[in-house]
Amino acid sequence: MTEGQPPQPAQPAQPPQPPQPVKRATAGFAISLVGGIIDAVIAIIILVAASYWETLAPQMPGYGPGFDFGASFLALWGGIGLVLAILVIVGAVLIYMPGKETIGGILVIVFSIISLFFTAGGLIIGLILGIIGGALGIAKK
C-alpha cells in the first residue's frame, strides 16, 4: 500500500469451482482402434502364411531355385503391414488424449490408406473404420 491511497476492500471468497470433465473423442478412438486391430490381425495372418510357405515350399510342384523368394517377400509385406497397423493404433490412442485428437486423426487416416497396399486395408474393413475413426477424431467426436 502506498501513501495517500485508501485501503482496498477485501475481495469476497469465491466458492471452489467443480472440475470440468475432460471431453474425449471416444467414438473416434474406438472405431480407429478396431480398424487398427483388424489391420494387425490381417498382417499377422500374412506373416503366418509366409512361415507356412517356407515350410511347405519343397513339397509344391514346380519348386526350384528362387521359389523361396516368395516367402521372404510375403514376410516383408506382412511386417510392413504390421508396422502400419501399430501406427494406426498409436494414432487411435492419440485421438483419446485431449488436445491431440487432430494429429491422431491425421495419423489414423494416412496410415489406414497406406495399409490398403499391404494388408488390403484390413480386407477393406480396417480401411473404412480407420477413415471414419480418424475423421471423428479430427472432429473431436
N, C-alpha and C. Protein backbone atom coordinates (compact mmCIF):
# COMPACT_ATOMS: atom_id res chain seq x y z
N MET A 1 0.85 -1.16 0.00
CA MET A 1 0.00 0.00 0.00
C MET A 1 0.89 1.23 0.00
N THR A 2 0.57 2.16 -0.89
CA THR A 2 1.35 3.40 -0.97
C THR A 2 0.66 4.48 -0.16
N GLU A 3 1.41 5.51 0.18
CA GLU A 3 0.85 6.59 0.98
C GLU A 3 -0.12 7.42 0.15
N GLY A 4 -1.19 7.83 0.77
CA GLY A 4 -2.17 8.69 0.12
C GLY A 4 -3.29 7.94 -0.57
N GLN A 5 -3.24 6.63 -0.64
CA GLN A 5 -4.31 5.87 -1.28
C GLN A 5 -5.15 5.20 -0.20
N PRO A 6 -6.46 5.14 -0.45
CA PRO A 6 -7.30 4.47 0.55
C PRO A 6 -7.07 2.96 0.49
N PRO A 7 -7.31 2.28 1.60
CA PRO A 7 -7.13 0.82 1.59
C PRO A 7 -8.15 0.16 0.67
N GLN A 8 -7.71 -0.90 0.02
CA GLN A 8 -8.57 -1.65 -0.91
C GLN A 8 -9.48 -2.58 -0.10
N PRO A 9 -10.79 -2.67 -0.52
CA PRO A 9 -11.66 -3.60 0.20
C PRO A 9 -11.27 -5.04 -0.12
N ALA A 10 -11.48 -5.89 0.83
CA ALA A 10 -11.14 -7.31 0.64
C ALA A 10 -12.11 -7.93 -0.35
N GLN A 11 -11.58 -8.79 -1.21
CA GLN A 11 -12.41 -9.47 -2.21
C GLN A 11 -13.16 -10.61 -1.51
N PRO A 12 -14.47 -10.77 -1.85
CA PRO A 12 -15.19 -11.89 -1.23
C PRO A 12 -14.64 -13.22 -1.76
N ALA A 13 -14.63 -14.19 -0.90
CA ALA A 13 -14.11 -15.51 -1.27
C ALA A 13 -15.04 -16.16 -2.28
N GLN A 14 -14.48 -16.67 -3.36
CA GLN A 14 -15.25 -17.37 -4.39
C GLN A 14 -15.34 -18.85 -4.00
N PRO A 15 -16.51 -19.45 -4.17
CA PRO A 15 -16.58 -20.88 -3.88
C PRO A 15 -15.76 -21.65 -4.91
N PRO A 16 -15.16 -22.75 -4.50
CA PRO A 16 -14.35 -23.52 -5.47
C PRO A 16 -15.23 -24.06 -6.59
N GLN A 17 -14.71 -23.95 -7.81
CA GLN A 17 -15.42 -24.43 -8.98
C GLN A 17 -15.19 -25.94 -9.12
N PRO A 18 -16.24 -26.68 -9.44
CA PRO A 18 -16.02 -28.11 -9.66
C PRO A 18 -15.19 -28.31 -10.92
N PRO A 19 -14.34 -29.34 -10.93
CA PRO A 19 -13.52 -29.57 -12.13
C PRO A 19 -14.40 -29.91 -13.32
N GLN A 20 -14.03 -29.34 -14.46
CA GLN A 20 -14.77 -29.60 -15.69
C GLN A 20 -14.36 -30.99 -16.21
N PRO A 21 -15.33 -31.78 -16.64
CA PRO A 21 -14.97 -33.09 -17.18
C PRO A 21 -14.19 -32.93 -18.48
N VAL A 22 -13.23 -33.82 -18.67
CA VAL A 22 -12.40 -33.78 -19.87
C VAL A 22 -13.19 -34.41 -21.01
N LYS A 23 -13.32 -33.66 -22.11
CA LYS A 23 -14.05 -34.17 -23.27
C LYS A 23 -13.07 -34.96 -24.14
N ARG A 24 -13.40 -36.21 -24.37
CA ARG A 24 -12.55 -37.08 -25.18
C ARG A 24 -13.31 -37.53 -26.42
N ALA A 25 -12.56 -37.79 -27.46
CA ALA A 25 -13.15 -38.27 -28.72
C ALA A 25 -13.25 -39.79 -28.65
N THR A 26 -14.18 -40.28 -27.85
CA THR A 26 -14.26 -41.73 -27.62
C THR A 26 -14.74 -42.50 -28.84
N ALA A 27 -15.66 -41.94 -29.61
CA ALA A 27 -16.15 -42.66 -30.80
C ALA A 27 -15.02 -42.82 -31.82
N GLY A 28 -14.29 -41.74 -32.07
CA GLY A 28 -13.17 -41.82 -33.00
C GLY A 28 -12.10 -42.78 -32.51
N PHE A 29 -11.84 -42.76 -31.20
CA PHE A 29 -10.85 -43.67 -30.62
C PHE A 29 -11.26 -45.12 -30.81
N ALA A 30 -12.50 -45.45 -30.45
CA ALA A 30 -12.95 -46.84 -30.51
C ALA A 30 -12.96 -47.37 -31.94
N ILE A 31 -13.49 -46.58 -32.85
CA ILE A 31 -13.58 -47.03 -34.25
C ILE A 31 -12.19 -47.17 -34.86
N SER A 32 -11.30 -46.22 -34.58
CA SER A 32 -9.93 -46.30 -35.10
C SER A 32 -9.18 -47.48 -34.51
N LEU A 33 -9.39 -47.73 -33.22
CA LEU A 33 -8.73 -48.84 -32.57
C LEU A 33 -9.15 -50.18 -33.17
N VAL A 34 -10.44 -50.34 -33.42
CA VAL A 34 -10.92 -51.58 -34.04
C VAL A 34 -10.33 -51.73 -35.45
N GLY A 35 -10.28 -50.63 -36.21
CA GLY A 35 -9.68 -50.69 -37.54
C GLY A 35 -8.22 -51.08 -37.50
N GLY A 36 -7.46 -50.53 -36.53
CA GLY A 36 -6.06 -50.88 -36.38
C GLY A 36 -5.86 -52.32 -35.97
N ILE A 37 -6.73 -52.82 -35.09
CA ILE A 37 -6.64 -54.22 -34.66
C ILE A 37 -6.93 -55.16 -35.83
N ILE A 38 -7.92 -54.81 -36.65
CA ILE A 38 -8.21 -55.64 -37.83
C ILE A 38 -7.02 -55.66 -38.78
N ASP A 39 -6.41 -54.50 -39.01
CA ASP A 39 -5.21 -54.44 -39.85
C ASP A 39 -4.10 -55.31 -39.28
N ALA A 40 -3.91 -55.26 -37.95
CA ALA A 40 -2.86 -56.05 -37.31
C ALA A 40 -3.12 -57.54 -37.46
N VAL A 41 -4.36 -57.95 -37.30
CA VAL A 41 -4.69 -59.37 -37.44
C VAL A 41 -4.40 -59.86 -38.86
N ILE A 42 -4.77 -59.08 -39.85
CA ILE A 42 -4.51 -59.45 -41.25
C ILE A 42 -3.00 -59.53 -41.50
N ALA A 43 -2.23 -58.58 -40.94
CA ALA A 43 -0.77 -58.61 -41.12
C ALA A 43 -0.17 -59.85 -40.47
N ILE A 44 -0.68 -60.23 -39.31
CA ILE A 44 -0.18 -61.43 -38.64
C ILE A 44 -0.53 -62.68 -39.46
N ILE A 45 -1.70 -62.69 -40.05
CA ILE A 45 -2.08 -63.82 -40.92
C ILE A 45 -1.13 -63.91 -42.12
N ILE A 46 -0.75 -62.76 -42.68
CA ILE A 46 0.20 -62.75 -43.79
C ILE A 46 1.55 -63.30 -43.34
N LEU A 47 2.00 -62.91 -42.13
CA LEU A 47 3.27 -63.41 -41.61
C LEU A 47 3.22 -64.93 -41.38
N VAL A 48 2.10 -65.43 -40.89
CA VAL A 48 1.94 -66.88 -40.69
C VAL A 48 1.97 -67.59 -42.04
N ALA A 49 1.31 -67.00 -43.03
CA ALA A 49 1.32 -67.59 -44.37
C ALA A 49 2.74 -67.65 -44.92
N ALA A 50 3.55 -66.64 -44.63
CA ALA A 50 4.94 -66.64 -45.08
C ALA A 50 5.72 -67.77 -44.43
N SER A 51 5.46 -68.03 -43.16
CA SER A 51 6.19 -69.12 -42.50
C SER A 51 5.74 -70.48 -43.04
N TYR A 52 4.46 -70.62 -43.35
CA TYR A 52 3.99 -71.88 -43.95
C TYR A 52 4.56 -72.06 -45.35
N TRP A 53 4.71 -70.98 -46.08
CA TRP A 53 5.27 -71.05 -47.42
C TRP A 53 6.68 -71.64 -47.34
N GLU A 54 7.45 -71.15 -46.38
CA GLU A 54 8.82 -71.63 -46.21
C GLU A 54 8.85 -73.11 -45.87
N THR A 55 7.89 -73.55 -45.06
CA THR A 55 7.85 -74.95 -44.64
C THR A 55 7.36 -75.86 -45.75
N LEU A 56 6.35 -75.42 -46.48
CA LEU A 56 5.72 -76.28 -47.48
C LEU A 56 6.29 -76.12 -48.88
N ALA A 57 7.18 -75.18 -49.10
CA ALA A 57 7.69 -74.91 -50.44
C ALA A 57 8.32 -76.12 -51.12
N PRO A 58 9.14 -76.91 -50.43
CA PRO A 58 9.75 -78.06 -51.14
C PRO A 58 8.73 -79.09 -51.62
N GLN A 59 7.54 -79.11 -51.06
CA GLN A 59 6.53 -80.09 -51.44
C GLN A 59 5.65 -79.60 -52.59
N MET A 60 5.78 -78.34 -52.98
CA MET A 60 4.92 -77.78 -54.02
C MET A 60 5.46 -78.16 -55.40
N PRO A 61 4.55 -78.42 -56.34
CA PRO A 61 5.02 -78.70 -57.70
C PRO A 61 5.66 -77.46 -58.30
N GLY A 62 6.70 -77.66 -59.03
CA GLY A 62 7.39 -76.54 -59.66
C GLY A 62 8.41 -75.90 -58.75
N TYR A 63 8.71 -76.51 -57.62
CA TYR A 63 9.68 -75.96 -56.69
C TYR A 63 11.05 -75.94 -57.34
N GLY A 64 11.72 -74.81 -57.26
CA GLY A 64 13.04 -74.68 -57.85
C GLY A 64 13.76 -73.50 -57.27
N PRO A 65 14.89 -73.16 -57.87
CA PRO A 65 15.66 -72.02 -57.37
C PRO A 65 14.82 -70.73 -57.44
N GLY A 66 14.91 -69.96 -56.40
CA GLY A 66 14.17 -68.69 -56.37
C GLY A 66 12.76 -68.81 -55.83
N PHE A 67 12.30 -70.03 -55.59
CA PHE A 67 10.93 -70.21 -55.12
C PHE A 67 10.77 -69.69 -53.69
N ASP A 68 11.84 -69.74 -52.90
CA ASP A 68 11.78 -69.27 -51.52
C ASP A 68 11.72 -67.74 -51.42
N PHE A 69 12.03 -67.07 -52.52
CA PHE A 69 11.96 -65.61 -52.51
C PHE A 69 10.55 -65.13 -52.19
N GLY A 70 9.54 -65.89 -52.59
CA GLY A 70 8.16 -65.52 -52.32
C GLY A 70 7.88 -65.46 -50.83
N ALA A 71 8.46 -66.37 -50.05
CA ALA A 71 8.26 -66.37 -48.60
C ALA A 71 8.89 -65.13 -47.98
N SER A 72 10.07 -64.76 -48.45
CA SER A 72 10.74 -63.57 -47.93
C SER A 72 9.94 -62.32 -48.27
N PHE A 73 9.46 -62.26 -49.49
CA PHE A 73 8.66 -61.11 -49.92
C PHE A 73 7.37 -61.02 -49.11
N LEU A 74 6.73 -62.15 -48.90
CA LEU A 74 5.49 -62.18 -48.13
C LEU A 74 5.74 -61.77 -46.68
N ALA A 75 6.85 -62.21 -46.10
CA ALA A 75 7.18 -61.83 -44.73
C ALA A 75 7.45 -60.33 -44.63
N LEU A 76 8.15 -59.78 -45.62
CA LEU A 76 8.39 -58.33 -45.64
C LEU A 76 7.08 -57.57 -45.77
N TRP A 77 6.22 -58.04 -46.63
CA TRP A 77 4.91 -57.42 -46.86
C TRP A 77 4.09 -57.41 -45.57
N GLY A 78 4.06 -58.56 -44.88
CA GLY A 78 3.32 -58.66 -43.62
C GLY A 78 3.95 -57.82 -42.53
N GLY A 79 5.28 -57.75 -42.49
CA GLY A 79 5.96 -56.93 -41.49
C GLY A 79 5.65 -55.45 -41.66
N ILE A 80 5.67 -54.98 -42.89
CA ILE A 80 5.32 -53.58 -43.15
C ILE A 80 3.87 -53.33 -42.77
N GLY A 81 2.99 -54.28 -43.10
CA GLY A 81 1.58 -54.14 -42.73
C GLY A 81 1.39 -54.09 -41.23
N LEU A 82 2.18 -54.88 -40.49
CA LEU A 82 2.07 -54.86 -39.02
C LEU A 82 2.55 -53.53 -38.44
N VAL A 83 3.63 -52.98 -39.00
CA VAL A 83 4.11 -51.66 -38.54
C VAL A 83 3.04 -50.59 -38.80
N LEU A 84 2.42 -50.64 -39.97
CA LEU A 84 1.36 -49.67 -40.28
C LEU A 84 0.18 -49.83 -39.34
N ALA A 85 -0.18 -51.06 -39.02
CA ALA A 85 -1.29 -51.31 -38.10
C ALA A 85 -0.97 -50.76 -36.71
N ILE A 86 0.28 -50.93 -36.27
CA ILE A 86 0.68 -50.38 -34.97
C ILE A 86 0.61 -48.86 -34.99
N LEU A 87 0.99 -48.25 -36.10
CA LEU A 87 0.90 -46.79 -36.21
C LEU A 87 -0.56 -46.32 -36.21
N VAL A 88 -1.46 -47.09 -36.79
CA VAL A 88 -2.89 -46.75 -36.72
C VAL A 88 -3.36 -46.83 -35.27
N ILE A 89 -2.92 -47.84 -34.54
CA ILE A 89 -3.31 -47.98 -33.13
C ILE A 89 -2.73 -46.83 -32.30
N VAL A 90 -1.50 -46.42 -32.59
CA VAL A 90 -0.90 -45.27 -31.89
C VAL A 90 -1.72 -44.01 -32.18
N GLY A 91 -2.13 -43.83 -33.43
CA GLY A 91 -2.99 -42.69 -33.77
C GLY A 91 -4.31 -42.74 -33.02
N ALA A 92 -4.86 -43.94 -32.86
CA ALA A 92 -6.12 -44.08 -32.12
C ALA A 92 -5.93 -43.67 -30.66
N VAL A 93 -4.81 -44.05 -30.07
CA VAL A 93 -4.52 -43.65 -28.69
C VAL A 93 -4.36 -42.14 -28.60
N LEU A 94 -3.73 -41.54 -29.60
CA LEU A 94 -3.60 -40.07 -29.61
C LEU A 94 -4.96 -39.40 -29.71
N ILE A 95 -5.88 -40.00 -30.45
CA ILE A 95 -7.23 -39.43 -30.55
C ILE A 95 -7.87 -39.38 -29.17
N TYR A 96 -7.58 -40.34 -28.33
CA TYR A 96 -8.19 -40.39 -26.99
C TYR A 96 -7.59 -39.35 -26.04
N MET A 97 -6.40 -38.84 -26.35
CA MET A 97 -5.75 -37.86 -25.48
C MET A 97 -6.27 -36.46 -25.81
N PRO A 98 -6.76 -35.73 -24.79
CA PRO A 98 -7.27 -34.37 -25.05
C PRO A 98 -6.16 -33.48 -25.60
N GLY A 99 -6.50 -32.75 -26.65
CA GLY A 99 -5.55 -31.84 -27.28
C GLY A 99 -4.74 -32.46 -28.41
N LYS A 100 -4.77 -33.76 -28.55
CA LYS A 100 -4.01 -34.44 -29.60
C LYS A 100 -4.91 -35.16 -30.59
N GLU A 101 -6.20 -34.82 -30.58
CA GLU A 101 -7.16 -35.51 -31.44
C GLU A 101 -6.87 -35.31 -32.92
N THR A 102 -6.48 -34.09 -33.28
CA THR A 102 -6.27 -33.78 -34.70
C THR A 102 -5.10 -34.56 -35.27
N ILE A 103 -3.96 -34.53 -34.57
CA ILE A 103 -2.79 -35.24 -35.09
C ILE A 103 -3.05 -36.75 -35.10
N GLY A 104 -3.75 -37.25 -34.09
CA GLY A 104 -4.09 -38.68 -34.06
C GLY A 104 -5.00 -39.05 -35.21
N GLY A 105 -6.00 -38.20 -35.50
CA GLY A 105 -6.90 -38.47 -36.62
C GLY A 105 -6.18 -38.47 -37.96
N ILE A 106 -5.24 -37.54 -38.12
CA ILE A 106 -4.47 -37.49 -39.37
C ILE A 106 -3.62 -38.75 -39.51
N LEU A 107 -2.96 -39.16 -38.41
CA LEU A 107 -2.15 -40.38 -38.46
C LEU A 107 -2.99 -41.60 -38.82
N VAL A 108 -4.16 -41.71 -38.22
CA VAL A 108 -5.03 -42.86 -38.49
C VAL A 108 -5.45 -42.87 -39.95
N ILE A 109 -5.86 -41.74 -40.47
CA ILE A 109 -6.32 -41.70 -41.87
C ILE A 109 -5.17 -42.03 -42.82
N VAL A 110 -4.00 -41.40 -42.62
CA VAL A 110 -2.88 -41.61 -43.53
C VAL A 110 -2.42 -43.06 -43.51
N PHE A 111 -2.22 -43.63 -42.32
CA PHE A 111 -1.70 -45.00 -42.26
C PHE A 111 -2.75 -46.04 -42.61
N SER A 112 -4.02 -45.70 -42.45
CA SER A 112 -5.07 -46.62 -42.91
C SER A 112 -5.08 -46.69 -44.43
N ILE A 113 -4.89 -45.54 -45.07
CA ILE A 113 -4.85 -45.53 -46.54
C ILE A 113 -3.61 -46.26 -47.05
N ILE A 114 -2.47 -46.05 -46.41
CA ILE A 114 -1.25 -46.74 -46.84
C ILE A 114 -1.39 -48.25 -46.63
N SER A 115 -2.08 -48.65 -45.55
CA SER A 115 -2.24 -50.08 -45.28
C SER A 115 -3.08 -50.78 -46.35
N LEU A 116 -3.78 -50.01 -47.15
CA LEU A 116 -4.54 -50.60 -48.25
C LEU A 116 -3.62 -51.41 -49.17
N PHE A 117 -2.38 -50.98 -49.32
CA PHE A 117 -1.44 -51.64 -50.21
C PHE A 117 -0.73 -52.83 -49.57
N PHE A 118 -0.76 -52.94 -48.24
CA PHE A 118 -0.02 -54.01 -47.58
C PHE A 118 -0.90 -55.05 -46.93
N THR A 119 -2.04 -54.65 -46.39
CA THR A 119 -2.94 -55.63 -45.77
C THR A 119 -4.31 -55.58 -46.42
N ALA A 120 -4.36 -55.04 -47.63
CA ALA A 120 -5.63 -54.83 -48.33
C ALA A 120 -6.57 -54.01 -47.46
N GLY A 121 -5.98 -53.09 -46.71
CA GLY A 121 -6.78 -52.21 -45.85
C GLY A 121 -7.52 -52.98 -44.78
N GLY A 122 -6.91 -54.08 -44.29
CA GLY A 122 -7.61 -54.92 -43.32
C GLY A 122 -8.85 -55.50 -43.96
N LEU A 123 -8.64 -55.99 -45.20
CA LEU A 123 -9.76 -56.51 -46.01
C LEU A 123 -10.83 -55.44 -46.19
N ILE A 124 -10.39 -54.21 -46.42
CA ILE A 124 -11.20 -53.02 -46.67
C ILE A 124 -11.94 -52.57 -45.40
N ILE A 125 -12.27 -53.48 -44.51
CA ILE A 125 -13.00 -53.10 -43.29
C ILE A 125 -12.13 -52.21 -42.42
N GLY A 126 -10.86 -52.58 -42.24
CA GLY A 126 -9.94 -51.77 -41.44
C GLY A 126 -9.74 -50.39 -42.04
N LEU A 127 -9.68 -50.33 -43.38
CA LEU A 127 -9.54 -49.04 -44.06
C LEU A 127 -10.74 -48.15 -43.79
N ILE A 128 -11.93 -48.68 -43.96
CA ILE A 128 -13.15 -47.90 -43.76
C ILE A 128 -13.26 -47.43 -42.32
N LEU A 129 -13.02 -48.34 -41.37
CA LEU A 129 -13.08 -47.96 -39.96
C LEU A 129 -12.01 -46.93 -39.61
N GLY A 130 -10.82 -47.07 -40.18
CA GLY A 130 -9.76 -46.10 -39.93
C GLY A 130 -10.10 -44.71 -40.44
N ILE A 131 -10.67 -44.64 -41.64
CA ILE A 131 -11.03 -43.33 -42.19
C ILE A 131 -12.15 -42.70 -41.39
N ILE A 132 -13.16 -43.49 -41.03
CA ILE A 132 -14.27 -42.94 -40.24
C ILE A 132 -13.78 -42.52 -38.85
N GLY A 133 -13.00 -43.38 -38.20
CA GLY A 133 -12.49 -43.06 -36.87
C GLY A 133 -11.56 -41.85 -36.88
N GLY A 134 -10.70 -41.76 -37.89
CA GLY A 134 -9.81 -40.60 -38.00
C GLY A 134 -10.58 -39.32 -38.22
N ALA A 135 -11.62 -39.38 -39.05
CA ALA A 135 -12.44 -38.19 -39.28
C ALA A 135 -13.17 -37.77 -38.01
N LEU A 136 -13.68 -38.76 -37.25
CA LEU A 136 -14.33 -38.44 -35.98
C LEU A 136 -13.33 -37.88 -34.98
N GLY A 137 -12.11 -38.35 -35.02
CA GLY A 137 -11.07 -37.81 -34.14
C GLY A 137 -10.74 -36.38 -34.47
N ILE A 138 -10.63 -36.08 -35.76
CA ILE A 138 -10.37 -34.70 -36.16
C ILE A 138 -11.54 -33.79 -35.76
N ALA A 139 -12.77 -34.31 -35.86
CA ALA A 139 -13.96 -33.54 -35.46
C ALA A 139 -14.15 -33.53 -33.95
N LYS A 140 -13.30 -34.27 -33.23
CA LYS A 140 -13.35 -34.37 -31.77
C LYS A 140 -14.68 -34.92 -31.27
N LYS A 141 -15.16 -35.95 -31.92
CA LYS A 141 -16.43 -36.60 -31.54
C LYS A 141 -16.13 -37.93 -30.89
